[in-house]
Amino acid sequence: MFGGVRPCWRCVLALALLGCVLCPAASRGGPVILSAERSVRNNHASDRNLEPVIATAALEAFDATIDVQTEFDGSFDPATGRDSTITSIARVGQSSTVGVSGNTLGMLDVGFARVRMFDTHSTNPIINLHEVESLIDVSFRLDRPGDFQVSVRSDAAGSDYLLALDGPGGRVFEFVDDIDEDAPDQDNTQGTLPPGLYRLRQVASASTTFGEASGDWGFGFNVVEQANPIPLPPALLPGAALMAFGAAVWMRRRVSSQLNR
């Protein structure tokens, strides 16, 4: 190469070192997931042994549904002269993905909750709690600034929903939809996150002691860690320029001496 003239190894080394100085961030990766807890839970207060939970901490697609239907005897009803039969129907589900591709961390979730408790014979409500919950709790680290986007929607209709992102400076984003809000709600937010540790948490739950409660929700979140090289401090720029000039002069002299032989 170079017309039969081989460049000096010192020149090559100098240029390689110069590249490392000018582009110190070129070899870094993207966001790093530190933990990813996801679960669904379906609990009936009448039987503390009935607490089925499906959970995962793996970075894989998570698709889980718990469907519980129970019938049990309630209190004696003087109006009918017989014991009441309580029927409880509860379902909760979550379908979510968490992962990193290149310099992008992405999450997607959809879920639902249905809780229904009713007394077959008595018109009096039976105080007996039944609750379901869907949880996502992901912690990640950014080594460089990252641009994020989040889109969320929820139709509470008798449930409670929280999606929040916390970082080094406190709460970055919060979306709340609770049982008192009848209409579906949604939000879209974007911005830039500084380097640091972050936690994205979703808690969706529905409960009832009598009657029905339900909810549907979904969110998408992604953060793209900026890939631009970290600029050198101004004090180092003259030194870097001198290194580049010196390497060029050395290379030129070396080639000239080889050609004149």
Protein backbone atom coordinates (compact mmCIF):
# COMPACT_ATOMS: atom_id res chain seq x y z
CA MET A 1 0.00 0.00 0.00
CA PHE A 2 0.97 3.68 -0.36
CA GLY A 3 2.70 2.92 -3.67
CA GLY A 4 4.90 0.25 -2.15
CA VAL A 5 5.90 2.35 0.84
CA ARG A 6 4.91 0.93 4.19
CA PRO A 7 4.01 3.52 6.82
CA CYS A 8 6.08 3.56 9.98
CA TRP A 9 4.57 1.65 12.85
CA ARG A 10 5.03 4.72 15.01
CA CYS A 11 2.81 6.71 12.64
CA VAL A 12 0.14 4.05 12.69
CA LEU A 13 0.23 3.91 16.48
CA ALA A 14 0.06 7.69 16.73
CA LEU A 15 -2.98 7.85 14.47
CA ALA A 16 -4.70 5.05 16.39
CA LEU A 17 -4.09 6.81 19.69
CA LEU A 18 -5.36 10.04 18.19
CA GLY A 19 -8.56 8.32 17.14
CA CYS A 20 -9.07 7.01 20.66
CA VAL A 21 -8.59 10.49 22.11
CA LEU A 22 -10.95 12.18 19.66
CA CYS A 23 -13.66 9.49 19.87
CA PRO A 24 -13.63 8.13 23.45
CA ALA A 25 -17.30 7.14 23.37
CA ALA A 26 -17.30 5.22 20.11
CA SER A 27 -17.01 1.78 21.76
CA ARG A 28 -19.66 2.27 24.45
CA GLY A 29 -22.96 0.41 24.37
CA GLY A 30 -26.50 1.62 24.90
CA PRO A 31 -28.80 1.61 27.94
CA VAL A 32 -28.21 -1.12 30.51
CA ILE A 33 -31.16 -2.90 32.16
CA LEU A 34 -30.37 -3.51 35.83
CA SER A 35 -33.59 -5.32 36.80
CA ALA A 36 -36.98 -6.11 35.27
CA GLU A 37 -39.73 -7.41 37.55
CA ARG A 38 -43.16 -8.14 36.04
CA SER A 39 -46.10 -9.92 37.63
CA VAL A 40 -49.85 -10.42 37.83
CA ARG A 41 -51.64 -11.29 41.06
CA ASN A 42 -55.18 -12.41 41.84
CA ASN A 43 -56.15 -12.54 45.50
CA HIS A 44 -59.40 -13.34 47.31
CA ALA A 45 -59.55 -12.13 50.89
CA SER A 46 -61.95 -14.91 51.91
CA ASP A 47 -59.20 -17.49 51.39
CA ARG A 48 -55.70 -16.26 52.18
CA ASN A 49 -54.31 -19.41 50.59
CA LEU A 50 -55.72 -18.33 47.25
CA GLU A 51 -53.03 -15.92 46.13
CA PRO A 52 -51.91 -17.06 42.68
CA VAL A 53 -49.02 -15.04 41.29
CA ILE A 54 -47.27 -15.30 37.93
CA ALA A 55 -44.00 -13.38 37.79
CA THR A 56 -40.78 -13.11 35.82
CA ALA A 57 -37.47 -11.29 36.10
CA ALA A 58 -36.23 -12.45 32.68
CA LEU A 59 -35.82 -10.21 29.64
CA GLU A 60 -38.34 -12.01 27.48
CA ALA A 61 -41.90 -11.59 26.33
CA PHE A 62 -44.27 -11.94 29.29
CA ASP A 63 -47.86 -12.95 28.60
CA ALA A 64 -49.85 -14.08 31.63
CA THR A 65 -53.51 -14.20 32.64
CA ILE A 66 -55.02 -15.39 35.90
CA ASP A 67 -58.70 -16.25 35.86
CA VAL A 68 -60.30 -17.15 39.20
CA GLN A 69 -63.95 -18.09 39.73
CA THR A 70 -65.14 -19.12 43.17
CA GLU A 71 -68.42 -19.81 44.90
CA PHE A 72 -68.75 -19.95 48.65
CA ASP A 73 -71.46 -19.73 51.28
CA GLY A 74 -72.23 -16.34 52.71
CA SER A 75 -74.18 -15.25 55.74
CA PHE A 76 -77.71 -16.38 56.63
CA ASP A 77 -80.36 -14.18 55.03
CA PRO A 78 -83.52 -13.88 57.21
CA ALA A 79 -85.48 -12.58 54.23
CA THR A 80 -85.06 -15.82 52.32
CA GLY A 81 -84.42 -18.17 55.21
CA ARG A 82 -81.30 -19.60 53.65
CA ASP A 83 -77.61 -19.02 53.37
CA SER A 84 -76.39 -16.73 50.65
CA THR A 85 -74.15 -17.97 47.85
CA ILE A 86 -71.38 -15.58 46.93
CA THR A 87 -69.94 -15.79 43.43
CA SER A 88 -66.63 -14.14 42.67
CA ILE A 89 -65.19 -13.79 39.17
CA ALA A 90 -61.81 -12.15 38.74
CA ARG A 91 -59.42 -11.89 35.79
CA VAL A 92 -56.17 -10.02 35.35
CA GLY A 93 -53.72 -10.10 32.47
CA GLN A 94 -50.51 -8.54 31.24
CA SER A 95 -48.70 -8.78 27.92
CA SER A 96 -45.36 -6.97 27.92
CA THR A 97 -41.90 -6.86 26.38
CA VAL A 98 -38.67 -5.33 27.74
CA GLY A 99 -35.34 -5.25 25.93
CA VAL A 100 -32.39 -3.31 24.51
CA SER A 101 -31.48 -3.20 20.83
CA GLY A 102 -28.33 -1.27 20.02
CA ASN A 103 -28.60 2.07 21.78
CA THR A 104 -32.39 1.83 22.26
CA LEU A 105 -34.28 0.52 25.28
CA GLY A 106 -37.93 -0.26 24.59
CA MET A 107 -40.94 -1.41 26.61
CA LEU A 108 -44.49 -2.19 25.55
CA ASP A 109 -47.40 -3.26 27.74
CA VAL A 110 -51.11 -3.91 27.46
CA GLY A 111 -53.28 -5.25 30.26
CA PHE A 112 -56.73 -5.62 31.71
CA ALA A 113 -58.49 -6.33 34.99
CA ARG A 114 -62.00 -7.56 35.75
CA VAL A 115 -63.36 -8.13 39.23
CA ARG A 116 -66.96 -9.05 39.98
CA MET A 117 -68.50 -10.18 43.24
CA PHE A 118 -72.22 -10.69 43.77
CA ASP A 119 -74.59 -12.38 46.16
CA THR A 120 -77.01 -14.80 44.56
CA HIS A 121 -79.78 -14.54 47.16
CA SER A 122 -79.29 -11.53 49.37
CA THR A 123 -79.63 -7.89 48.34
CA ASN A 124 -77.32 -6.85 51.16
CA PRO A 125 -73.67 -6.34 50.17
CA ILE A 126 -71.24 -8.80 51.63
CA ILE A 127 -68.05 -7.15 52.85
CA ASN A 128 -65.42 -9.34 51.32
CA LEU A 129 -62.47 -7.95 49.41
CA HIS A 130 -61.27 -9.33 46.10
CA GLU A 131 -58.36 -7.65 44.35
CA VAL A 132 -56.17 -8.10 41.27
CA GLU A 133 -52.92 -6.37 40.33
CA SER A 134 -50.53 -6.03 37.40
CA LEU A 135 -47.01 -4.78 38.14
CA ILE A 136 -44.02 -3.71 36.01
CA ASP A 137 -40.84 -2.47 37.71
CA VAL A 138 -37.78 -1.87 35.50
CA SER A 139 -34.51 -0.19 36.50
CA PHE A 140 -31.93 0.88 33.92
CA ARG A 141 -28.77 2.95 33.55
CA LEU A 142 -27.80 5.57 30.99
CA ASP A 143 -24.10 6.34 30.49
CA ARG A 144 -24.89 9.15 28.07
CA PRO A 145 -27.90 11.46 27.58
CA GLY A 146 -30.94 9.68 26.13
CA ASP A 147 -34.00 10.90 24.25
CA PHE A 148 -37.19 9.28 25.55
CA GLN A 149 -40.80 9.01 24.47
CA VAL A 150 -43.73 7.61 26.44
CA SER A 151 -47.33 7.09 25.33
CA VAL A 152 -49.94 5.82 27.76
CA ARG A 153 -53.69 5.34 27.89
CA SER A 154 -56.01 3.96 30.56
CA ASP A 155 -59.71 3.38 31.02
CA ALA A 156 -59.97 2.96 34.77
CA ALA A 157 -63.71 2.26 35.07
CA GLY A 158 -63.29 1.16 38.67
CA SER A 159 -59.55 0.51 38.84
CA ASP A 160 -56.41 2.44 39.74
CA TYR A 161 -53.47 2.98 37.39
CA LEU A 162 -50.04 4.54 37.88
CA LEU A 163 -47.13 4.84 35.46
CA ALA A 164 -44.11 6.79 36.70
CA LEU A 165 -40.48 7.35 35.68
CA ASP A 166 -37.97 8.42 38.36
CA GLY A 167 -34.37 9.49 37.81
CA PRO A 168 -31.41 11.24 39.45
CA GLY A 169 -33.29 14.54 39.69
CA GLY A 170 -36.57 13.07 40.99
CA ARG A 171 -39.80 12.24 39.15
CA VAL A 172 -39.53 12.72 35.40
CA PHE A 173 -43.01 11.62 34.35
CA GLU A 174 -46.21 10.52 36.08
CA PHE A 175 -49.54 9.33 34.76
CA VAL A 176 -52.40 8.57 37.16
CA ASP A 177 -55.88 7.30 36.34
CA ASP A 178 -58.04 6.32 39.27
CA ILE A 179 -61.46 4.98 40.10
CA ASP A 180 -62.98 8.47 40.32
CA GLU A 181 -62.28 9.25 36.67
CA ASP A 182 -64.93 7.81 34.38
CA ALA A 183 -63.60 8.83 30.95
CA PRO A 184 -60.60 7.14 29.34
CA ASP A 185 -57.39 9.13 29.70
CA GLN A 186 -54.16 9.27 27.72
CA ASP A 187 -50.92 11.19 27.54
CA ASN A 188 -47.79 11.51 25.41
CA THR A 189 -44.51 12.90 26.72
CA GLN A 190 -40.98 13.18 25.38
CA GLY A 191 -37.72 14.72 26.47
CA THR A 192 -34.05 14.12 27.18
CA LEU A 193 -32.69 12.21 30.17
CA PRO A 194 -29.23 12.94 31.62
CA PRO A 195 -26.90 10.04 32.43
CA GLY A 196 -27.80 8.18 35.61
CA LEU A 197 -30.01 5.49 37.15
CA TYR A 198 -33.73 5.32 36.33
CA ARG A 199 -36.77 3.35 37.42
CA LEU A 200 -39.97 2.92 35.40
CA ARG A 201 -42.86 1.52 37.43
CA GLN A 202 -46.43 0.60 36.51
CA VAL A 203 -49.02 -0.49 39.07
CA ALA A 204 -52.53 -1.34 37.87
CA SER A 205 -55.10 -2.73 40.30
CA ALA A 206 -58.80 -3.31 40.69
CA SER A 207 -60.75 -4.42 43.76
CA THR A 208 -64.31 -4.73 44.95
CA THR A 209 -66.25 -5.86 47.98
CA PHE A 210 -69.50 -6.04 46.05
CA GLY A 211 -70.39 -5.31 42.45
CA GLU A 212 -67.94 -4.88 39.59
CA ALA A 213 -64.65 -3.13 38.89
CA SER A 214 -62.60 -3.22 35.71
CA GLY A 215 -59.87 -1.48 33.79
CA ASP A 216 -57.87 -1.54 30.56
CA TRP A 217 -54.50 0.07 29.98
CA GLY A 218 -51.46 0.17 27.77
CA PHE A 219 -48.21 2.07 27.40
CA GLY A 220 -45.15 2.29 25.19
CA PHE A 221 -41.79 3.64 26.33
CA ASN A 222 -38.42 3.93 24.64
CA VAL A 223 -35.18 5.78 25.29
CA VAL A 224 -32.43 6.18 22.71
CA GLU A 225 -29.02 6.84 24.19
CA GLN A 226 -27.25 9.52 22.18
CA ALA A 227 -24.35 8.10 20.17
CA ASN A 228 -22.42 11.33 19.48
CA PRO A 229 -18.79 11.26 20.68
CA ILE A 230 -18.11 13.16 23.84
CA PRO A 231 -16.38 16.44 22.86
CA LEU A 232 -12.93 17.09 24.24
CA PRO A 233 -12.53 19.76 26.88
CA PRO A 234 -11.33 23.04 25.30
CA ALA A 235 -7.98 22.75 27.09
CA LEU A 236 -7.19 19.51 25.23
CA LEU A 237 -8.08 20.71 21.73
CA PRO A 238 -4.69 22.42 21.03
CA GLY A 239 -2.88 19.26 22.14
CA ALA A 240 -5.03 17.08 19.90
CA ALA A 241 -4.40 19.39 16.95
CA LEU A 242 -0.65 19.27 17.64
CA MET A 243 -0.73 15.48 17.72
CA ALA A 244 -2.54 15.39 14.38
CA PHE A 245 -0.08 17.86 12.81
CA GLY A 246 2.93 15.98 14.17
CA ALA A 247 1.61 12.66 12.89
CA ALA A 248 1.04 14.16 9.43
CA VAL A 249 4.55 15.66 9.26
CA TRP A 250 6.13 12.39 10.39
CA MET A 251 4.17 10.44 7.78
CA ARG A 252 5.15 12.87 5.00
CA ARG A 253 8.82 12.82 5.88
CA ARG A 254 8.80 9.04 6.13
CA VAL A 255 7.19 8.63 2.71
CA SER A 256 9.57 11.17 1.13
CA SER A 257 12.63 9.42 2.52
CA GLN A 258 11.42 6.08 1.22
CA LEU A 259 10.78 7.49 -2.27
CA ASN A 260 14.22 9.17 -2.47
CA ARG A 261 16.13 5.99 -1.78
